[in-house]
C-alpha atoms as a PDB file:
ATOM      1  CA  UNK A   1      68.264 123.413  34.366  1.00  0.00           C
ATOM      2  CA  UNK A   2      69.598 119.889  34.429  1.00  0.00           C
ATOM      3  CA  UNK A   3      68.452 117.087  36.691  1.00  0.00           C
ATOM      4  CA  UNK A   4      71.268 117.570  39.225  1.00  0.00           C
ATOM      5  CA  UNK A   5      70.527 121.292  39.590  1.00  0.00           C
ATOM      6  CA  UNK A   6      66.820 120.542  39.976  1.00  0.00           C
ATOM      7  CA  UNK A   7      67.576 117.920  42.627  1.00  0.00           C
ATOM      8  CA  UNK A   8      69.911 120.302  44.486  1.00  0.00           C
ATOM      9  CA  UNK A   9      67.342 123.103  44.360  1.00  0.00           C
ATOM     10  CA  UNK A  10      64.642 120.733  45.574  1.00  0.00           C
ATOM     11  CA  UNK A  11      66.829 119.626  48.496  1.00  0.00           C
ATOM     12  CA  UNK A  12      67.583 123.257  49.419  1.00  0.00           C
ATOM     13  CA  UNK A  13      63.875 124.093  49.369  1.00  0.00           C
ATOM     14  CA  UNK A  14      63.065 121.043  51.485  1.00  0.00           C
ATOM     15  CA  UNK A  15      65.739 121.953  54.056  1.00  0.00           C
ATOM     16  CA  UNK A  16      64.481 125.544  54.116  1.00  0.00           C
ATOM     17  CA  UNK A  17      60.889 124.369  54.624  1.00  0.00           C
ATOM     18  CA  UNK A  18      61.940 121.976  57.407  1.00  0.00           C
ATOM     19  CA  UNK A  19      63.843 124.789  59.125  1.00  0.00           C
ATOM     20  CA  UNK A  20      60.799 127.067  58.936  1.00  0.00           C
ATOM     21  CA  UNK A  21      58.608 124.303  60.384  1.00  0.00           C
ATOM     22  CA  UNK A  22      61.106 123.719  63.190  1.00  0.00           C
ATOM     23  CA  UNK A  23      61.185 127.449  63.980  1.00  0.00           C
ATOM     24  CA  UNK A  24      57.391 127.552  64.014  1.00  0.00           C
ATOM     25  CA  UNK A  25      57.233 124.533  66.331  1.00  0.00           C
ATOM     26  CA  UNK A  26      59.756 126.144  68.696  1.00  0.00           C
ATOM     27  CA  UNK A  27      57.792 129.382  68.643  1.00  0.00           C
ATOM     28  CA  UNK A  28      54.577 127.520  69.480  1.00  0.00           C
ATOM     29  CA  UNK A  29      56.309 125.614  72.296  1.00  0.00           C
ATOM     30  CA  UNK A  30      57.580 128.867  73.776  1.00  0.00           C
ATOM     31  CA  UNK A  31      54.129 130.416  73.553  1.00  0.00           C
ATOM     32  CA  UNK A  32      52.515 127.370  75.183  1.00  0.00           C
ATOM     33  CA  UNK A  33      55.097 127.464  77.971  1.00  0.00           C
ATOM     34  CA  UNK A  34      54.321 131.143  78.590  1.00  0.00           C
ATOM     35  CA  UNK A  35      50.568 130.450  78.557  1.00  0.00           C
ATOM     36  CA  UNK A  36      50.973 127.580  81.046  1.00  0.00           C
ATOM     37  CA  UNK A  37      53.006 129.800  83.361  1.00  0.00           C
ATOM     38  CA  UNK A  38      50.400 132.559  83.140  1.00  0.00           C
ATOM     39  CA  UNK A  39      47.591 130.082  83.831  1.00  0.00           C
ATOM     40  CA  UNK A  40      49.472 128.723  86.834  1.00  0.00           C
ATOM     41  CA  UNK A  41      50.009 132.243  88.188  1.00  0.00           C
ATOM     42  CA  UNK A  42      46.310 133.027  87.722  1.00  0.00           C
ATOM     43  CA  UNK A  43      45.289 129.781  89.462  1.00  0.00           C
ATOM     44  CA  UNK A  44      47.570 130.670  92.361  1.00  0.00           C
ATOM     45  CA  UNK A  45      46.069 134.165  92.588  1.00  0.00           C
ATOM     46  CA  UNK A  46      42.509 132.817  92.418  1.00  0.00           C
ATOM     47  CA  UNK A  47      43.280 130.285  95.145  1.00  0.00           C
ATOM     48  CA  UNK A  48      44.703 133.038  97.360  1.00  0.00           C
ATOM     49  CA  UNK A  49      41.618 135.195  96.785  1.00  0.00           C
ATOM     50  CA  UNK A  50      39.349 132.242  97.556  1.00  0.00           C
ATOM     51  CA  UNK A  51      41.221 131.567 100.795  1.00  0.00           C
ATOM     52  CA  UNK A  52      40.948 135.223 101.796  1.00  0.00           C
ATOM     53  CA  UNK A  53      37.208 135.220 101.098  1.00  0.00           C
ATOM     54  CA  UNK A  54      36.807 132.033 103.144  1.00  0.00           C
ATOM     55  CA  UNK A  55      38.588 133.681 106.082  1.00  0.00           C
ATOM     56  CA  UNK A  56      36.426 136.796 105.777  1.00  0.00           C
ATOM     57  CA  UNK A  57      33.225 134.786 105.508  1.00  0.00           C
ATOM     58  CA  UNK A  58      34.130 132.806 108.620  1.00  0.00           C
ATOM     59  CA  UNK A  59      34.793 136.092 110.391  1.00  0.00           C
ATOM     60  CA  UNK A  60      31.300 137.251 109.439  1.00  0.00           C
ATOM     61  CA  UNK A  61      29.371 133.998 109.870  1.00  0.00           C
ATOM     62  CA  UNK A  62      30.234 133.306 113.510  1.00  0.00           C
ATOM     63  CA  UNK A  63      29.242 136.742 114.825  1.00  0.00           C
ATOM     64  CA  UNK A  64      26.081 136.514 112.735  1.00  0.00           C
ATOM     65  CA  UNK A  65      25.214 133.123 114.265  1.00  0.00           C
ATOM     66  CA  UNK A  66      25.710 134.498 117.775  1.00  0.00           C
ATOM     67  CA  UNK A  67      23.599 137.530 116.912  1.00  0.00           C
ATOM     68  CA  UNK A  68      20.770 135.356 115.575  1.00  0.00           C
ATOM     69  CA  UNK A  69      20.954 133.107 118.628  1.00  0.00           C
ATOM     70  CA  UNK A  70      20.824 136.090 120.963  1.00  0.00           C
ATOM     71  CA  UNK A  71      17.795 137.460 119.091  1.00  0.00           C
ATOM     72  CA  UNK A  72      16.160 134.063 119.315  1.00  0.00           C
ATOM     73  CA  UNK A  73      16.837 133.909 123.054  1.00  0.00           C
ATOM     74  CA  UNK A  74      15.368 137.397 123.486  1.00  0.00           C
ATOM     75  CA  UNK A  75      12.287 136.362 121.538  1.00  0.00           C
ATOM     76  CA  UNK A  76      11.681 133.264 123.664  1.00  0.00           C
ATOM     77  CA  UNK A  77      12.225 135.011 127.005  1.00  0.00           C
END
């Protein structure tokens, strides 16, 4: 192999390696994008569940307070 062939082969290998790196980077970007979207969807779901639990707890707490107060009033009568 002469010097020109070696140089051409080296350039081809470098271009091939750069293309593989670019494809890998694009693949990683796509995967990160998908992971971010999934995380955002999970955060949204968790927030909705938290809000539902807050509503339910408020629905339980107020009747419980009134019940305790009525028991207290009965005790002190």
